[in-house]
Amino acid sequence: MTFYWFAQAVGVLAFLVGITSFFNRNDQRFKLQLSVYSLIIGIHFFLMGASAAGSSALLGACRNLISMRTRSLWMMWLFIILTPIVGLSHFKHWVELLPILGTTASTWALFRTRGLTTRCVMWCSTACWVTHNIWLGSIGGSLIEGSFLLMNGFNIIRFRRLQLRGIDPFAVEKKAPVG
């Protein structure tokens, strides 16, 4: 297997890990699954020579984990400032601005929004990433972000319909005690 195909295989692995993340109604599980996905796809981007995207993805993984513990404005601003600094230090082509923009928007969403709003901002962020990944020629990255775009879009519609019927799709379900 050549190095190129190894890098593509890592991207496909990221696709397999990340495919179900937007089905999570629980924000904590959603963020944890996105962190694992971001770590693997970041490695894929570095292997593909896309250092700006790799840096943005790895920062995104750290950001997702930290946003599970705090919604601190200080932490949000730290990641919003770090993303363009780290990403632009590896910048080579204008399309590489898209992952930086997408990561910045999703940082704001993960720290300042919940539920449907988070998923809507993440959808816009995903549009930036899918454009970049198609340009890069990343098979796994294009598949996963394209899938995220579709799945998250369908779930946004589904969750909004539930809200219009008076059902909160993001309410934490409590199990009845056994016994």
N, C-alpha and C. Protein backbone atom coordinates (compact mmCIF):
# COMPACT_ATOMS: atom_id res chain seq x y z
N MET A 1 0.85 -1.17 0.00
CA MET A 1 0.00 0.00 0.00
C MET A 1 0.90 1.24 0.00
N THR A 2 0.63 2.16 -0.89
CA THR A 2 1.42 3.38 -0.93
C THR A 2 1.02 4.31 0.20
N PHE A 3 1.87 5.29 0.48
CA PHE A 3 1.59 6.27 1.54
C PHE A 3 0.29 7.01 1.25
N TYR A 4 0.06 7.36 0.00
CA TYR A 4 -1.17 8.08 -0.38
C TYR A 4 -2.40 7.26 0.03
N TRP A 5 -2.42 5.98 -0.28
CA TRP A 5 -3.57 5.15 0.03
C TRP A 5 -3.68 4.90 1.53
N PHE A 6 -2.55 4.87 2.22
CA PHE A 6 -2.60 4.78 3.68
C PHE A 6 -3.28 6.02 4.25
N ALA A 7 -2.90 7.20 3.74
CA ALA A 7 -3.52 8.45 4.20
C ALA A 7 -5.02 8.44 3.90
N GLN A 8 -5.39 7.94 2.73
CA GLN A 8 -6.81 7.86 2.37
C GLN A 8 -7.53 6.88 3.30
N ALA A 9 -6.87 5.78 3.67
CA ALA A 9 -7.47 4.79 4.57
C ALA A 9 -7.75 5.40 5.95
N VAL A 10 -6.85 6.25 6.43
CA VAL A 10 -7.07 6.94 7.70
C VAL A 10 -8.30 7.83 7.58
N GLY A 11 -8.46 8.49 6.43
CA GLY A 11 -9.65 9.31 6.20
C GLY A 11 -10.93 8.48 6.18
N VAL A 12 -10.87 7.30 5.61
CA VAL A 12 -12.03 6.41 5.60
C VAL A 12 -12.34 5.93 7.02
N LEU A 13 -11.29 5.67 7.81
CA LEU A 13 -11.51 5.31 9.22
C LEU A 13 -12.24 6.44 9.95
N ALA A 14 -11.83 7.68 9.70
CA ALA A 14 -12.51 8.83 10.30
C ALA A 14 -13.98 8.85 9.88
N PHE A 15 -14.23 8.54 8.62
CA PHE A 15 -15.60 8.47 8.11
C PHE A 15 -16.41 7.46 8.93
N LEU A 16 -15.84 6.29 9.16
CA LEU A 16 -16.55 5.24 9.90
C LEU A 16 -16.81 5.66 11.36
N VAL A 17 -15.86 6.35 11.97
CA VAL A 17 -16.01 6.79 13.36
C VAL A 17 -17.05 7.91 13.47
N GLY A 18 -17.03 8.83 12.53
CA GLY A 18 -17.86 10.02 12.66
C GLY A 18 -19.27 9.94 12.11
N ILE A 19 -19.60 8.88 11.40
CA ILE A 19 -20.85 8.84 10.63
C ILE A 19 -22.11 8.99 11.49
N THR A 20 -22.08 8.55 12.73
CA THR A 20 -23.29 8.59 13.54
C THR A 20 -23.35 9.74 14.54
N SER A 21 -22.38 10.62 14.56
CA SER A 21 -22.31 11.63 15.62
C SER A 21 -23.52 12.55 15.67
N PHE A 22 -24.10 12.92 14.54
CA PHE A 22 -25.20 13.88 14.56
C PHE A 22 -26.53 13.26 14.96
N PHE A 23 -26.58 11.95 15.16
CA PHE A 23 -27.79 11.31 15.66
C PHE A 23 -27.92 11.45 17.17
N ASN A 24 -26.82 11.80 17.83
CA ASN A 24 -26.84 11.94 19.28
C ASN A 24 -27.69 13.12 19.70
N ARG A 25 -28.63 12.88 20.58
CA ARG A 25 -29.42 13.96 21.16
C ARG A 25 -28.71 14.52 22.38
N ASN A 26 -27.85 13.72 22.98
CA ASN A 26 -27.11 14.13 24.16
C ASN A 26 -25.88 14.93 23.71
N ASP A 27 -25.82 16.20 24.12
CA ASP A 27 -24.72 17.08 23.68
C ASP A 27 -23.35 16.56 24.11
N GLN A 28 -23.25 15.92 25.28
CA GLN A 28 -21.96 15.42 25.76
C GLN A 28 -21.45 14.29 24.86
N ARG A 29 -22.31 13.33 24.57
CA ARG A 29 -21.90 12.23 23.67
C ARG A 29 -21.60 12.76 22.27
N PHE A 30 -22.39 13.73 21.82
CA PHE A 30 -22.18 14.37 20.52
C PHE A 30 -20.77 14.98 20.45
N LYS A 31 -20.39 15.72 21.47
CA LYS A 31 -19.08 16.38 21.50
C LYS A 31 -17.94 15.37 21.62
N LEU A 32 -18.14 14.32 22.41
CA LEU A 32 -17.10 13.30 22.56
C LEU A 32 -16.87 12.57 21.23
N GLN A 33 -17.94 12.20 20.57
CA GLN A 33 -17.79 11.51 19.29
C GLN A 33 -17.15 12.42 18.25
N LEU A 34 -17.52 13.70 18.25
CA LEU A 34 -16.87 14.65 17.33
C LEU A 34 -15.38 14.80 17.64
N SER A 35 -15.00 14.70 18.91
CA SER A 35 -13.58 14.81 19.28
C SER A 35 -12.77 13.67 18.70
N VAL A 36 -13.28 12.45 18.82
CA VAL A 36 -12.57 11.29 18.29
C VAL A 36 -12.46 11.41 16.76
N TYR A 37 -13.56 11.78 16.14
CA TYR A 37 -13.55 11.98 14.69
C TYR A 37 -12.52 13.05 14.30
N SER A 38 -12.52 14.18 14.99
CA SER A 38 -11.61 15.29 14.66
C SER A 38 -10.15 14.88 14.79
N LEU A 39 -9.84 14.09 15.80
CA LEU A 39 -8.47 13.60 15.98
C LEU A 39 -8.04 12.75 14.78
N ILE A 40 -8.87 11.82 14.39
CA ILE A 40 -8.52 10.92 13.27
C ILE A 40 -8.45 11.69 11.96
N ILE A 41 -9.40 12.57 11.71
CA ILE A 41 -9.39 13.31 10.43
C ILE A 41 -8.22 14.30 10.41
N GLY A 42 -7.84 14.83 11.58
CA GLY A 42 -6.67 15.71 11.64
C GLY A 42 -5.40 14.98 11.22
N ILE A 43 -5.25 13.75 11.70
CA ILE A 43 -4.10 12.93 11.30
C ILE A 43 -4.15 12.69 9.79
N HIS A 44 -5.34 12.40 9.28
CA HIS A 44 -5.52 12.20 7.83
C HIS A 44 -5.04 13.42 7.04
N PHE A 45 -5.46 14.62 7.48
CA PHE A 45 -5.08 15.84 6.75
C PHE A 45 -3.57 16.06 6.78
N PHE A 46 -2.94 15.82 7.91
CA PHE A 46 -1.48 15.94 7.96
C PHE A 46 -0.82 14.96 6.99
N LEU A 47 -1.33 13.74 6.95
CA LEU A 47 -0.79 12.74 6.02
C LEU A 47 -0.99 13.15 4.56
N MET A 48 -2.09 13.88 4.30
CA MET A 48 -2.38 14.35 2.93
C MET A 48 -1.63 15.64 2.59
N GLY A 49 -0.89 16.20 3.55
CA GLY A 49 -0.13 17.42 3.31
C GLY A 49 -0.94 18.69 3.51
N ALA A 50 -2.11 18.59 4.09
CA ALA A 50 -2.97 19.75 4.35
C ALA A 50 -2.82 20.16 5.80
N SER A 51 -1.71 20.82 6.10
CA SER A 51 -1.39 21.15 7.49
C SER A 51 -2.35 22.15 8.12
N ALA A 52 -2.87 23.11 7.35
CA ALA A 52 -3.82 24.07 7.91
C ALA A 52 -5.08 23.35 8.37
N ALA A 53 -5.59 22.44 7.55
CA ALA A 53 -6.78 21.67 7.93
C ALA A 53 -6.47 20.71 9.07
N GLY A 54 -5.30 20.08 9.05
CA GLY A 54 -4.91 19.19 10.13
C GLY A 54 -4.83 19.91 11.46
N SER A 55 -4.23 21.09 11.44
CA SER A 55 -4.14 21.90 12.66
C SER A 55 -5.52 22.30 13.17
N SER A 56 -6.38 22.72 12.25
CA SER A 56 -7.75 23.11 12.63
C SER A 56 -8.51 21.93 13.22
N ALA A 57 -8.35 20.75 12.62
CA ALA A 57 -9.05 19.57 13.11
C ALA A 57 -8.55 19.16 14.50
N LEU A 58 -7.24 19.19 14.72
CA LEU A 58 -6.71 18.82 16.04
C LEU A 58 -7.11 19.83 17.11
N LEU A 59 -7.10 21.11 16.75
CA LEU A 59 -7.60 22.12 17.69
C LEU A 59 -9.07 21.88 17.98
N GLY A 60 -9.81 21.49 16.93
CA GLY A 60 -11.23 21.19 17.10
C GLY A 60 -11.46 20.04 18.06
N ALA A 61 -10.61 19.02 17.99
CA ALA A 61 -10.75 17.88 18.90
C ALA A 61 -10.55 18.32 20.35
N CYS A 62 -9.51 19.12 20.58
CA CYS A 62 -9.26 19.64 21.94
C CYS A 62 -10.41 20.53 22.39
N ARG A 63 -10.85 21.38 21.51
CA ARG A 63 -11.96 22.30 21.81
C ARG A 63 -13.22 21.53 22.18
N ASN A 64 -13.53 20.48 21.44
CA ASN A 64 -14.73 19.69 21.73
C ASN A 64 -14.67 19.09 23.13
N LEU A 65 -13.51 18.54 23.48
CA LEU A 65 -13.35 17.94 24.81
C LEU A 65 -13.48 18.99 25.91
N ILE A 66 -12.86 20.13 25.72
CA ILE A 66 -12.91 21.18 26.74
C ILE A 66 -14.32 21.75 26.84
N SER A 67 -15.03 21.87 25.71
CA SER A 67 -16.39 22.42 25.75
C SER A 67 -17.36 21.48 26.47
N MET A 68 -16.95 20.23 26.69
CA MET A 68 -17.78 19.31 27.47
C MET A 68 -17.75 19.67 28.96
N ARG A 69 -16.66 20.30 29.38
CA ARG A 69 -16.46 20.62 30.80
C ARG A 69 -16.80 22.07 31.15
N THR A 70 -16.68 22.96 30.18
CA THR A 70 -16.89 24.37 30.47
C THR A 70 -17.48 25.08 29.27
N ARG A 71 -18.22 26.13 29.56
CA ARG A 71 -18.73 27.01 28.50
C ARG A 71 -18.11 28.40 28.69
N SER A 72 -16.94 28.41 29.27
CA SER A 72 -16.23 29.63 29.61
C SER A 72 -15.95 30.48 28.37
N LEU A 73 -16.28 31.75 28.48
CA LEU A 73 -15.97 32.68 27.38
C LEU A 73 -14.47 32.76 27.15
N TRP A 74 -13.70 32.69 28.22
CA TRP A 74 -12.25 32.77 28.11
C TRP A 74 -11.73 31.62 27.25
N MET A 75 -12.21 30.39 27.49
CA MET A 75 -11.77 29.24 26.70
C MET A 75 -12.24 29.36 25.26
N MET A 76 -13.48 29.82 25.07
CA MET A 76 -13.99 30.00 23.71
C MET A 76 -13.08 30.96 22.94
N TRP A 77 -12.77 32.11 23.55
CA TRP A 77 -11.94 33.10 22.86
C TRP A 77 -10.52 32.58 22.64
N LEU A 78 -10.01 31.79 23.56
CA LEU A 78 -8.68 31.19 23.37
C LEU A 78 -8.67 30.35 22.09
N PHE A 79 -9.67 29.50 21.90
CA PHE A 79 -9.73 28.67 20.70
C PHE A 79 -10.05 29.47 19.45
N ILE A 80 -10.88 30.50 19.58
CA ILE A 80 -11.18 31.34 18.41
C ILE A 80 -9.93 32.09 17.95
N ILE A 81 -9.08 32.50 18.88
CA ILE A 81 -7.83 33.18 18.53
C ILE A 81 -6.78 32.19 18.02
N LEU A 82 -6.68 31.03 18.68
CA LEU A 82 -5.68 30.03 18.28
C LEU A 82 -5.94 29.45 16.88
N THR A 83 -7.19 29.26 16.53
CA THR A 83 -7.51 28.62 15.26
C THR A 83 -6.92 29.36 14.06
N PRO A 84 -7.16 30.67 13.90
CA PRO A 84 -6.54 31.34 12.75
C PRO A 84 -5.01 31.47 12.87
N ILE A 85 -4.51 31.63 14.10
CA ILE A 85 -3.06 31.75 14.26
C ILE A 85 -2.38 30.47 13.79
N VAL A 86 -2.85 29.32 14.29
CA VAL A 86 -2.25 28.04 13.92
C VAL A 86 -2.54 27.70 12.46
N GLY A 87 -3.79 27.90 12.04
CA GLY A 87 -4.17 27.58 10.67
C GLY A 87 -3.46 28.43 9.64
N LEU A 88 -3.38 29.73 9.89
CA LEU A 88 -2.73 30.63 8.91
C LEU A 88 -1.22 30.43 8.86
N SER A 89 -0.64 29.87 9.92
CA SER A 89 0.80 29.62 9.88
C SER A 89 1.14 28.51 8.88
N HIS A 90 0.14 27.71 8.50
CA HIS A 90 0.33 26.63 7.52
C HIS A 90 -0.37 26.92 6.20
N PHE A 91 -0.95 28.08 6.07
CA PHE A 91 -1.77 28.47 4.94
C PHE A 91 -0.97 28.54 3.64
N LYS A 92 -1.49 27.91 2.56
CA LYS A 92 -0.83 27.95 1.26
C LYS A 92 -1.77 28.35 0.13
N HIS A 93 -3.08 28.12 0.28
CA HIS A 93 -4.04 28.37 -0.78
C HIS A 93 -5.33 28.91 -0.17
N TRP A 94 -6.05 29.77 -0.89
CA TRP A 94 -7.24 30.42 -0.34
C TRP A 94 -8.29 29.42 0.16
N VAL A 95 -8.40 28.25 -0.44
CA VAL A 95 -9.40 27.27 -0.01
C VAL A 95 -9.10 26.79 1.41
N GLU A 96 -7.84 26.89 1.83
CA GLU A 96 -7.48 26.48 3.18
C GLU A 96 -8.03 27.43 4.25
N LEU A 97 -8.59 28.55 3.84
CA LEU A 97 -9.26 29.44 4.78
C LEU A 97 -10.60 28.84 5.25
N LEU A 98 -11.19 27.99 4.42
CA LEU A 98 -12.50 27.43 4.76
C LEU A 98 -12.49 26.59 6.04
N PRO A 99 -11.53 25.67 6.24
CA PRO A 99 -11.52 24.94 7.51
C PRO A 99 -11.29 25.86 8.72
N ILE A 100 -10.50 26.90 8.52
CA ILE A 100 -10.25 27.85 9.61
C ILE A 100 -11.55 28.57 9.96
N LEU A 101 -12.27 29.01 8.94
CA LEU A 101 -13.56 29.69 9.15
C LEU A 101 -14.56 28.72 9.79
N GLY A 102 -14.64 27.50 9.26
CA GLY A 102 -15.57 26.51 9.80
C GLY A 102 -15.27 26.16 11.24
N THR A 103 -14.00 25.99 11.58
CA THR A 103 -13.61 25.65 12.95
C THR A 103 -13.91 26.81 13.89
N THR A 104 -13.70 28.03 13.45
CA THR A 104 -14.00 29.20 14.28
C THR A 104 -15.50 29.28 14.57
N ALA A 105 -16.32 29.09 13.54
CA ALA A 105 -17.78 29.14 13.73
C ALA A 105 -18.26 28.04 14.66
N SER A 106 -17.74 26.84 14.47
CA SER A 106 -18.18 25.74 15.33
C SER A 106 -17.68 25.90 16.76
N THR A 107 -16.54 26.57 16.94
CA THR A 107 -16.06 26.87 18.29
C THR A 107 -17.07 27.74 19.02
N TRP A 108 -17.50 28.79 18.35
CA TRP A 108 -18.51 29.66 18.97
C TRP A 108 -19.76 28.86 19.32
N ALA A 109 -20.21 28.02 18.39
CA ALA A 109 -21.44 27.25 18.60
C ALA A 109 -21.31 26.29 19.78
N LEU A 110 -20.20 25.59 19.89
CA LEU A 110 -20.05 24.59 20.94
C LEU A 110 -19.97 25.21 22.33
N PHE A 111 -19.48 26.46 22.41
CA PHE A 111 -19.38 27.11 23.71
C PHE A 111 -20.59 27.97 24.05
N ARG A 112 -21.30 28.47 23.04
CA ARG A 112 -22.35 29.46 23.33
C ARG A 112 -23.76 29.02 22.96
N THR A 113 -23.94 27.91 22.29
CA THR A 113 -25.27 27.51 21.87
C THR A 113 -25.58 26.09 22.35
N ARG A 114 -26.82 25.69 22.16
CA ARG A 114 -27.26 24.34 22.51
C ARG A 114 -28.25 23.85 21.47
N GLY A 115 -28.43 22.53 21.47
CA GLY A 115 -29.50 21.93 20.69
C GLY A 115 -29.49 22.26 19.21
N LEU A 116 -30.63 22.75 18.73
CA LEU A 116 -30.83 22.99 17.30
C LEU A 116 -29.91 24.08 16.77
N THR A 117 -29.68 25.11 17.55
CA THR A 117 -28.79 26.19 17.11
C THR A 117 -27.38 25.66 16.88
N THR A 118 -26.90 24.82 17.79
CA THR A 118 -25.58 24.21 17.63
C THR A 118 -25.50 23.46 16.32
N ARG A 119 -26.51 22.65 16.05
CA ARG A 119 -26.49 21.85 14.83
C ARG A 119 -26.58 22.70 13.56
N CYS A 120 -27.29 23.82 13.62
CA CYS A 120 -27.38 24.71 12.45
C CYS A 120 -26.03 25.37 12.15
N VAL A 121 -25.34 25.85 13.18
CA VAL A 121 -24.02 26.44 12.98
C VAL A 121 -23.04 25.37 12.51
N MET A 122 -23.14 24.17 13.10
CA MET A 122 -22.26 23.08 12.68
C MET A 122 -22.52 22.71 11.21
N TRP A 123 -23.76 22.83 10.76
CA TRP A 123 -24.09 22.57 9.36
C TRP A 123 -23.33 23.55 8.45
N CYS A 124 -23.32 24.82 8.81
CA CYS A 124 -22.59 25.83 8.03
C CYS A 124 -21.08 25.55 8.06
N SER A 125 -20.57 25.18 9.22
CA SER A 125 -19.17 24.82 9.34
C SER A 125 -18.84 23.64 8.43
N THR A 126 -19.73 22.67 8.40
CA THR A 126 -19.55 21.48 7.57
C THR A 126 -19.48 21.85 6.09
N ALA A 127 -20.28 22.81 5.67
CA ALA A 127 -20.25 23.26 4.27
C ALA A 127 -18.85 23.78 3.91
N CYS A 128 -18.22 24.48 4.85
CA CYS A 128 -16.84 24.95 4.61
C CYS A 128 -15.89 23.76 4.45
N TRP A 129 -16.01 22.80 5.36
CA TRP A 129 -15.11 21.64 5.34
C TRP A 129 -15.31 20.77 4.10
N VAL A 130 -16.56 20.54 3.70
CA VAL A 130 -16.79 19.67 2.54
C VAL A 130 -16.20 20.30 1.27
N THR A 131 -16.32 21.60 1.14
CA THR A 131 -15.73 22.29 -0.01
C THR A 131 -14.21 22.11 -0.01
N HIS A 132 -13.59 22.30 1.13
CA HIS A 132 -12.14 22.11 1.25
C HIS A 132 -11.74 20.68 0.91
N ASN A 133 -12.47 19.71 1.46
CA ASN A 133 -12.09 18.30 1.29
C ASN A 133 -12.23 17.84 -0.16
N ILE A 134 -13.23 18.33 -0.85
CA ILE A 134 -13.36 18.00 -2.28
C ILE A 134 -12.18 18.59 -3.04
N TRP A 135 -11.83 19.84 -2.73
CA TRP A 135 -10.68 20.50 -3.37
C TRP A 135 -9.40 19.71 -3.11
N LEU A 136 -9.23 19.22 -1.86
CA LEU A 136 -8.02 18.49 -1.49
C LEU A 136 -7.94 17.11 -2.15
N GLY A 137 -9.10 16.54 -2.47
CA GLY A 137 -9.13 15.19 -3.01
C GLY A 137 -9.16 14.13 -1.92
N SER A 138 -9.63 14.52 -0.73
CA SER A 138 -9.73 13.61 0.40
C SER A 138 -10.99 12.76 0.26
N ILE A 139 -10.81 11.47 0.03
CA ILE A 139 -11.96 10.58 -0.15
C ILE A 139 -12.76 10.48 1.14
N GLY A 140 -12.11 10.05 2.23
CA GLY A 140 -12.79 9.92 3.51
C GLY A 140 -13.32 11.24 4.03
N GLY A 141 -12.52 12.30 3.89
CA GLY A 141 -12.95 13.62 4.35
C GLY A 141 -14.16 14.13 3.59
N SER A 142 -14.18 13.90 2.27
CA SER A 142 -15.33 14.33 1.47
C SER A 142 -16.57 13.50 1.80
N LEU A 143 -16.36 12.19 1.97
CA LEU A 143 -17.49 11.32 2.33
C LEU A 143 -18.08 11.71 3.68
N ILE A 144 -17.22 11.90 4.68
CA ILE A 144 -17.73 12.18 6.01
C ILE A 144 -18.39 13.54 6.08
N GLU A 145 -17.76 14.56 5.54
CA GLU A 145 -18.35 15.90 5.62
C GLU A 145 -19.61 15.99 4.76
N GLY A 146 -19.61 15.31 3.60
CA GLY A 146 -20.83 15.25 2.79
C GLY A 146 -21.94 14.54 3.54
N SER A 147 -21.58 13.46 4.23
CA SER A 147 -22.57 12.73 5.05
C SER A 147 -23.04 13.59 6.21
N PHE A 148 -22.10 14.29 6.88
CA PHE A 148 -22.48 15.19 7.97
C PHE A 148 -23.46 16.25 7.46
N LEU A 149 -23.17 16.79 6.29
CA LEU A 149 -24.02 17.83 5.72
C LEU A 149 -25.44 17.30 5.53
N LEU A 150 -25.56 16.11 4.94
CA LEU A 150 -26.88 15.51 4.71
C LEU A 150 -27.55 15.07 6.02
N MET A 151 -26.83 14.30 6.83
CA MET A 151 -27.43 13.77 8.06
C MET A 151 -27.81 14.89 9.02
N ASN A 152 -26.92 15.84 9.21
CA ASN A 152 -27.23 16.94 10.11
C ASN A 152 -28.37 17.78 9.55
N GLY A 153 -28.39 17.98 8.24
CA GLY A 153 -29.49 18.72 7.62
C GLY A 153 -30.83 18.04 7.84
N PHE A 154 -30.87 16.72 7.61
CA PHE A 154 -32.11 15.98 7.84
C PHE A 154 -32.51 16.00 9.32
N ASN A 155 -31.52 15.86 10.21
CA ASN A 155 -31.83 15.90 11.64
C ASN A 155 -32.27 17.27 12.10
N ILE A 156 -31.73 18.33 11.52
CA ILE A 156 -32.19 19.68 11.84
C ILE A 156 -33.68 19.80 11.50
N ILE A 157 -34.05 19.32 10.31
CA ILE A 157 -35.46 19.36 9.91
C ILE A 157 -36.31 18.50 10.85
N ARG A 158 -35.84 17.30 11.15
CA ARG A 158 -36.58 16.39 12.03
C ARG A 158 -36.73 16.98 13.43
N PHE A 159 -35.65 17.52 13.99
CA PHE A 159 -35.72 18.10 15.33
C PHE A 159 -36.62 19.34 15.35
N ARG A 160 -36.58 20.13 14.29
CA ARG A 160 -37.44 21.33 14.22
C ARG A 160 -38.90 20.92 14.16
N ARG A 161 -39.21 19.88 13.39
CA ARG A 161 -40.60 19.40 13.33
C ARG A 161 -41.07 18.93 14.69
N LEU A 162 -40.21 18.26 15.45
CA LEU A 162 -40.57 17.84 16.80
C LEU A 162 -40.85 19.05 17.68
N GLN A 163 -40.01 20.07 17.56
CA GLN A 163 -40.22 21.29 18.34
C GLN A 163 -41.56 21.94 17.99
N LEU A 164 -41.90 21.98 16.72
CA LEU A 164 -43.17 22.58 16.28
C LEU A 164 -44.37 21.80 16.82
N ARG A 165 -44.17 20.52 17.13
CA ARG A 165 -45.24 19.69 17.72
C ARG A 165 -45.22 19.75 19.24
N GLY A 166 -44.35 20.60 19.80
CA GLY A 166 -44.28 20.77 21.25
C GLY A 166 -43.40 19.76 21.96
N ILE A 167 -42.57 19.04 21.21
CA ILE A 167 -41.67 18.04 21.79
C ILE A 167 -40.25 18.59 21.78
N ASP A 168 -39.59 18.53 22.92
CA ASP A 168 -38.20 18.98 22.99
C ASP A 168 -37.29 17.80 22.66
N PRO A 169 -36.71 17.77 21.45
CA PRO A 169 -35.88 16.62 21.08
C PRO A 169 -34.56 16.56 21.83
N PHE A 170 -34.22 17.60 22.57
CA PHE A 170 -32.94 17.63 23.27
C PHE A 170 -33.10 17.47 24.78
N ALA A 171 -34.33 17.20 25.23
CA ALA A 171 -34.54 16.95 26.65
C ALA A 171 -33.87 15.62 27.01
N VAL A 172 -33.21 15.60 28.13
CA VAL A 172 -32.54 14.39 28.57
C VAL A 172 -33.60 13.39 29.02
N GLU A 173 -33.55 12.23 28.40
CA GLU A 173 -34.51 11.19 28.76
C GLU A 173 -34.07 10.54 30.06
N LYS A 174 -35.01 10.38 30.98
CA LYS A 174 -34.72 9.73 32.26
C LYS A 174 -35.33 8.34 32.24
N LYS A 175 -34.53 7.37 32.66
CA LYS A 175 -35.01 6.01 32.75
C LYS A 175 -35.74 5.81 34.06
N ALA A 176 -36.79 5.04 33.99
CA ALA A 176 -37.54 4.72 35.21
C ALA A 176 -36.70 3.78 36.06
N PRO A 177 -36.73 3.94 37.38
CA PRO A 177 -35.94 3.04 38.23
C PRO A 177 -36.42 1.61 38.09
N VAL A 178 -35.47 0.70 38.13
CA VAL A 178 -35.76 -0.71 38.02
C VAL A 178 -36.14 -1.24 39.39
N GLY A 179 -37.19 -2.07 39.47
CA GLY A 179 -37.49 -2.70 40.74
C GLY A 179 -38.79 -2.40 41.22
